[in-house]
């Protein structure tokens, strides 16, 4: 999977995540690291949460995590990449993500 990613690697950026955004463009994601669990408080849209190790290898994919009520975790994860729901439909555990930094 090829993605343009933003990185949330400070306390505030990790806390904020995608909260209050209206959407995430196709092919884009938010890498939150370090992180092994997410909540969906104040989210406006469903996401797929891709939990990865430091080599960007997929450990778990939480699909269609619902806004406001969703939770997802993977205790062994180094980070999580959040993408719009359905974007991770072809990913499986063991796959490797290929990401480039988005211009933000």
N, C-alpha and C. Protein backbone atom coordinates (compact mmCIF):
# COMPACT_ATOMS: atom_id res chain seq x y z
N UNK A 1 0.85 -1.18 0.00
CA UNK A 1 0.00 0.00 0.00
C UNK A 1 0.89 1.24 0.00
N UNK A 2 0.68 2.13 -0.93
CA UNK A 2 1.43 3.38 -1.04
C UNK A 2 0.58 4.51 -0.46
N UNK A 3 1.16 5.27 0.46
CA UNK A 3 0.43 6.35 1.13
C UNK A 3 1.24 7.63 1.19
N UNK A 4 0.55 8.75 1.15
CA UNK A 4 1.11 10.04 1.53
C UNK A 4 0.73 10.22 2.99
N UNK A 5 1.72 10.37 3.87
CA UNK A 5 1.39 10.44 5.30
C UNK A 5 1.83 11.75 5.93
N UNK A 6 1.02 12.16 6.88
CA UNK A 6 1.39 13.20 7.83
C UNK A 6 1.86 12.45 9.07
N UNK A 7 2.70 13.07 9.87
CA UNK A 7 3.20 12.42 11.07
C UNK A 7 2.76 13.19 12.31
N UNK A 8 2.24 12.46 13.28
CA UNK A 8 1.89 13.03 14.59
C UNK A 8 2.85 12.40 15.59
N UNK A 9 3.92 13.13 15.92
CA UNK A 9 4.95 12.54 16.78
C UNK A 9 5.25 13.38 18.03
N UNK A 10 4.41 14.37 18.30
CA UNK A 10 4.52 15.11 19.56
C UNK A 10 3.29 14.78 20.40
N UNK A 11 3.35 15.07 21.68
CA UNK A 11 2.21 14.76 22.55
C UNK A 11 0.92 15.38 22.02
N UNK A 12 0.96 16.68 21.71
CA UNK A 12 -0.26 17.36 21.27
C UNK A 12 -0.74 16.82 19.93
N UNK A 13 0.17 16.60 18.99
CA UNK A 13 -0.22 16.09 17.67
C UNK A 13 -0.82 14.69 17.78
N UNK A 14 -0.25 13.84 18.65
CA UNK A 14 -0.81 12.49 18.85
C UNK A 14 -2.18 12.58 19.49
N UNK A 15 -2.33 13.46 20.48
CA UNK A 15 -3.62 13.63 21.15
C UNK A 15 -4.69 14.10 20.17
N UNK A 16 -4.36 15.08 19.34
CA UNK A 16 -5.32 15.65 18.39
C UNK A 16 -5.65 14.66 17.28
N UNK A 17 -4.65 13.99 16.74
CA UNK A 17 -4.89 13.03 15.66
C UNK A 17 -5.73 13.64 14.54
N UNK A 18 -6.79 12.95 14.17
CA UNK A 18 -7.69 13.43 13.11
C UNK A 18 -8.96 14.08 13.66
N UNK A 19 -8.99 14.32 14.98
CA UNK A 19 -10.18 14.92 15.59
C UNK A 19 -10.57 16.20 14.88
N UNK A 20 -11.85 16.37 14.69
CA UNK A 20 -12.48 17.56 14.14
C UNK A 20 -12.26 17.77 12.64
N UNK A 21 -11.50 16.90 11.99
CA UNK A 21 -11.38 17.01 10.53
C UNK A 21 -12.64 16.46 9.90
N UNK A 22 -12.99 16.98 8.74
CA UNK A 22 -14.20 16.52 8.04
C UNK A 22 -13.95 15.25 7.25
N UNK A 23 -12.73 15.07 6.76
CA UNK A 23 -12.41 13.88 5.98
C UNK A 23 -10.90 13.78 5.82
N UNK A 24 -10.47 12.68 5.24
CA UNK A 24 -9.08 12.45 4.90
C UNK A 24 -9.05 12.05 3.43
N UNK A 25 -8.27 12.72 2.59
CA UNK A 25 -8.27 12.39 1.15
C UNK A 25 -7.83 10.95 0.89
N UNK A 26 -8.32 10.37 -0.18
CA UNK A 26 -7.91 9.02 -0.58
C UNK A 26 -6.41 9.00 -0.79
N UNK A 27 -5.78 7.92 -0.34
CA UNK A 27 -4.34 7.78 -0.50
C UNK A 27 -3.51 8.52 0.53
N UNK A 28 -4.18 9.14 1.51
CA UNK A 28 -3.50 9.88 2.56
C UNK A 28 -3.76 9.21 3.90
N UNK A 29 -2.82 9.38 4.82
CA UNK A 29 -2.98 8.82 6.15
C UNK A 29 -2.26 9.65 7.18
N UNK A 30 -2.52 9.35 8.43
CA UNK A 30 -1.85 10.00 9.55
C UNK A 30 -1.13 8.93 10.34
N UNK A 31 0.19 9.06 10.45
CA UNK A 31 1.00 8.16 11.27
C UNK A 31 1.09 8.75 12.66
N UNK A 32 0.64 8.00 13.66
CA UNK A 32 0.74 8.41 15.05
C UNK A 32 1.75 7.48 15.71
N UNK A 33 2.87 8.06 16.20
CA UNK A 33 3.91 7.22 16.78
C UNK A 33 4.66 8.00 17.85
N UNK A 34 5.01 7.35 18.95
CA UNK A 34 4.61 5.99 19.29
C UNK A 34 3.15 5.95 19.70
N UNK A 35 2.50 4.84 19.41
CA UNK A 35 1.07 4.69 19.71
C UNK A 35 0.67 3.23 19.52
N UNK A 36 -0.07 2.69 20.49
CA UNK A 36 -0.57 1.32 20.33
C UNK A 36 -2.08 1.21 20.58
N UNK A 37 -2.75 2.36 20.75
CA UNK A 37 -4.21 2.34 20.90
C UNK A 37 -4.77 3.69 20.45
N UNK A 38 -6.02 3.65 19.98
CA UNK A 38 -6.68 4.88 19.53
C UNK A 38 -8.11 4.92 20.05
N UNK A 39 -8.66 6.12 20.11
CA UNK A 39 -10.07 6.34 20.42
C UNK A 39 -10.65 7.18 19.29
N UNK A 40 -11.95 7.23 19.19
CA UNK A 40 -12.62 7.96 18.11
C UNK A 40 -13.44 9.14 18.62
N UNK A 41 -13.13 9.63 19.83
CA UNK A 41 -13.82 10.81 20.36
C UNK A 41 -13.62 12.00 19.43
N UNK A 42 -14.67 12.73 19.18
CA UNK A 42 -14.67 13.94 18.36
C UNK A 42 -14.34 13.70 16.89
N UNK A 43 -14.38 12.44 16.46
CA UNK A 43 -14.14 12.13 15.04
C UNK A 43 -15.44 12.28 14.27
N UNK A 44 -15.32 12.66 13.00
CA UNK A 44 -16.50 12.87 12.15
C UNK A 44 -16.67 11.78 11.10
N UNK A 45 -15.71 10.89 10.96
CA UNK A 45 -15.79 9.86 9.92
C UNK A 45 -15.11 8.59 10.41
N UNK A 46 -15.51 7.47 9.82
CA UNK A 46 -14.92 6.17 10.16
C UNK A 46 -13.54 6.05 9.52
N UNK A 47 -12.69 5.25 10.15
CA UNK A 47 -11.34 5.03 9.64
C UNK A 47 -10.98 3.55 9.67
N UNK A 48 -9.93 3.21 8.93
CA UNK A 48 -9.22 1.95 9.12
C UNK A 48 -7.96 2.32 9.89
N UNK A 49 -7.66 1.57 10.94
CA UNK A 49 -6.46 1.81 11.75
C UNK A 49 -5.48 0.67 11.48
N UNK A 50 -4.31 1.03 10.96
CA UNK A 50 -3.29 0.05 10.58
C UNK A 50 -2.18 0.12 11.62
N UNK A 51 -2.11 -0.88 12.48
CA UNK A 51 -1.09 -0.93 13.52
C UNK A 51 0.18 -1.55 12.95
N UNK A 52 1.31 -0.87 13.15
CA UNK A 52 2.57 -1.28 12.52
C UNK A 52 3.71 -1.37 13.53
N UNK A 53 4.77 -2.10 13.12
CA UNK A 53 6.00 -2.09 13.90
C UNK A 53 6.93 -1.01 13.33
N UNK A 54 8.14 -0.90 13.86
CA UNK A 54 9.06 0.17 13.43
C UNK A 54 9.50 0.03 11.98
N UNK A 55 9.34 -1.15 11.41
CA UNK A 55 9.69 -1.38 10.00
C UNK A 55 8.49 -1.20 9.08
N UNK A 56 7.40 -0.66 9.62
CA UNK A 56 6.16 -0.42 8.87
C UNK A 56 5.48 -1.72 8.43
N UNK A 57 5.77 -2.82 9.12
CA UNK A 57 5.11 -4.08 8.85
C UNK A 57 3.78 -4.11 9.60
N UNK A 58 2.73 -4.54 8.93
CA UNK A 58 1.38 -4.54 9.50
C UNK A 58 1.24 -5.64 10.56
N UNK A 59 0.84 -5.23 11.77
CA UNK A 59 0.59 -6.16 12.86
C UNK A 59 -0.90 -6.45 13.02
N UNK A 60 -1.73 -5.45 12.70
CA UNK A 60 -3.18 -5.59 12.86
C UNK A 60 -3.85 -4.50 12.03
N UNK A 61 -5.01 -4.82 11.47
CA UNK A 61 -5.83 -3.82 10.79
C UNK A 61 -7.20 -3.81 11.45
N UNK A 62 -7.57 -2.68 12.04
CA UNK A 62 -8.91 -2.49 12.60
C UNK A 62 -9.71 -1.75 11.53
N UNK A 63 -10.68 -2.42 10.95
CA UNK A 63 -11.42 -1.88 9.81
C UNK A 63 -12.70 -1.17 10.24
N UNK A 64 -12.99 -0.06 9.57
CA UNK A 64 -14.24 0.67 9.74
C UNK A 64 -14.51 1.02 11.21
N UNK A 65 -13.51 1.60 11.86
CA UNK A 65 -13.67 2.02 13.26
C UNK A 65 -14.57 3.26 13.26
N UNK A 66 -15.67 3.17 13.97
CA UNK A 66 -16.74 4.17 13.92
C UNK A 66 -16.42 5.44 14.70
N UNK A 67 -16.87 6.60 14.18
CA UNK A 67 -16.67 7.85 14.92
C UNK A 67 -17.42 7.84 16.24
N UNK A 68 -16.85 8.52 17.21
CA UNK A 68 -17.39 8.72 18.56
C UNK A 68 -17.36 7.48 19.44
N UNK A 69 -17.62 6.29 18.90
CA UNK A 69 -17.74 5.12 19.77
C UNK A 69 -16.61 4.11 19.60
N UNK A 70 -15.79 4.28 18.59
CA UNK A 70 -14.78 3.28 18.29
C UNK A 70 -13.55 3.33 19.17
N UNK A 71 -12.98 2.16 19.38
CA UNK A 71 -11.70 1.98 20.06
C UNK A 71 -10.95 0.89 19.31
N UNK A 72 -9.63 0.98 19.28
CA UNK A 72 -8.82 -0.09 18.68
C UNK A 72 -7.45 -0.07 19.34
N UNK A 73 -6.82 -1.25 19.43
CA UNK A 73 -5.50 -1.33 20.03
C UNK A 73 -4.75 -2.55 19.52
N UNK A 74 -3.44 -2.48 19.67
CA UNK A 74 -2.53 -3.59 19.38
C UNK A 74 -1.32 -3.36 20.28
N UNK A 75 -1.24 -4.08 21.37
CA UNK A 75 -0.24 -3.80 22.40
C UNK A 75 1.20 -3.88 21.89
N UNK A 76 1.46 -4.67 20.85
CA UNK A 76 2.83 -4.81 20.32
C UNK A 76 3.19 -3.75 19.29
N UNK A 77 2.25 -2.89 18.93
CA UNK A 77 2.49 -1.90 17.87
C UNK A 77 3.43 -0.79 18.32
N UNK A 78 4.21 -0.30 17.38
CA UNK A 78 5.03 0.90 17.57
C UNK A 78 4.22 2.14 17.20
N UNK A 79 3.37 2.01 16.18
CA UNK A 79 2.58 3.14 15.72
C UNK A 79 1.32 2.67 15.02
N UNK A 80 0.51 3.65 14.64
CA UNK A 80 -0.73 3.35 13.91
C UNK A 80 -0.86 4.36 12.78
N UNK A 81 -1.29 3.87 11.63
CA UNK A 81 -1.58 4.74 10.49
C UNK A 81 -3.09 4.76 10.33
N UNK A 82 -3.67 5.95 10.42
CA UNK A 82 -5.12 6.10 10.25
C UNK A 82 -5.40 6.54 8.83
N UNK A 83 -6.30 5.80 8.16
CA UNK A 83 -6.72 6.11 6.80
C UNK A 83 -8.25 6.08 6.76
N UNK A 84 -8.84 6.66 5.73
CA UNK A 84 -10.30 6.62 5.59
C UNK A 84 -10.78 5.18 5.52
N UNK A 85 -11.96 4.93 6.07
CA UNK A 85 -12.53 3.57 6.07
C UNK A 85 -12.56 3.01 4.66
N UNK A 86 -12.11 1.78 4.52
CA UNK A 86 -12.07 1.10 3.23
C UNK A 86 -10.73 1.18 2.53
N UNK A 87 -9.89 2.14 2.90
CA UNK A 87 -8.58 2.30 2.25
C UNK A 87 -7.67 1.10 2.51
N UNK A 88 -7.83 0.43 3.63
CA UNK A 88 -6.95 -0.69 3.98
C UNK A 88 -7.56 -2.04 3.62
N UNK A 89 -8.56 -2.04 2.75
CA UNK A 89 -9.30 -3.28 2.46
C UNK A 89 -8.42 -4.41 1.94
N UNK A 90 -7.32 -4.11 1.27
CA UNK A 90 -6.47 -5.16 0.71
C UNK A 90 -5.25 -5.48 1.57
N UNK A 91 -5.11 -4.81 2.71
CA UNK A 91 -3.97 -5.07 3.59
C UNK A 91 -4.21 -6.28 4.46
N UNK A 92 -3.12 -7.00 4.74
CA UNK A 92 -3.17 -8.14 5.64
C UNK A 92 -2.01 -8.06 6.61
N UNK A 93 -2.13 -8.75 7.72
CA UNK A 93 -1.04 -8.83 8.69
C UNK A 93 0.19 -9.37 7.96
N UNK A 94 1.33 -8.72 8.20
CA UNK A 94 2.59 -9.11 7.57
C UNK A 94 2.96 -8.27 6.37
N UNK A 95 1.98 -7.58 5.75
CA UNK A 95 2.27 -6.68 4.63
C UNK A 95 3.14 -5.52 5.13
N UNK A 96 3.83 -4.88 4.21
CA UNK A 96 4.65 -3.72 4.56
C UNK A 96 4.09 -2.48 3.88
N UNK A 97 3.94 -1.40 4.66
CA UNK A 97 3.47 -0.13 4.11
C UNK A 97 4.63 0.61 3.46
N UNK A 98 4.33 1.33 2.40
CA UNK A 98 5.29 2.21 1.74
C UNK A 98 4.70 3.61 1.80
N UNK A 99 5.40 4.50 2.48
CA UNK A 99 4.84 5.83 2.72
C UNK A 99 5.82 6.92 2.33
N UNK A 100 5.26 8.01 1.84
CA UNK A 100 6.03 9.23 1.61
C UNK A 100 5.37 10.34 2.39
N UNK A 101 6.16 11.31 2.79
CA UNK A 101 5.63 12.41 3.59
C UNK A 101 4.75 13.34 2.77
N UNK A 102 3.59 13.66 3.30
CA UNK A 102 2.68 14.61 2.65
C UNK A 102 3.21 16.02 2.87
N UNK A 103 2.89 16.91 1.96
CA UNK A 103 3.31 18.31 2.08
C UNK A 103 2.34 19.06 2.98
N UNK A 104 2.69 19.22 4.25
CA UNK A 104 1.86 19.98 5.20
C UNK A 104 2.75 20.79 6.08
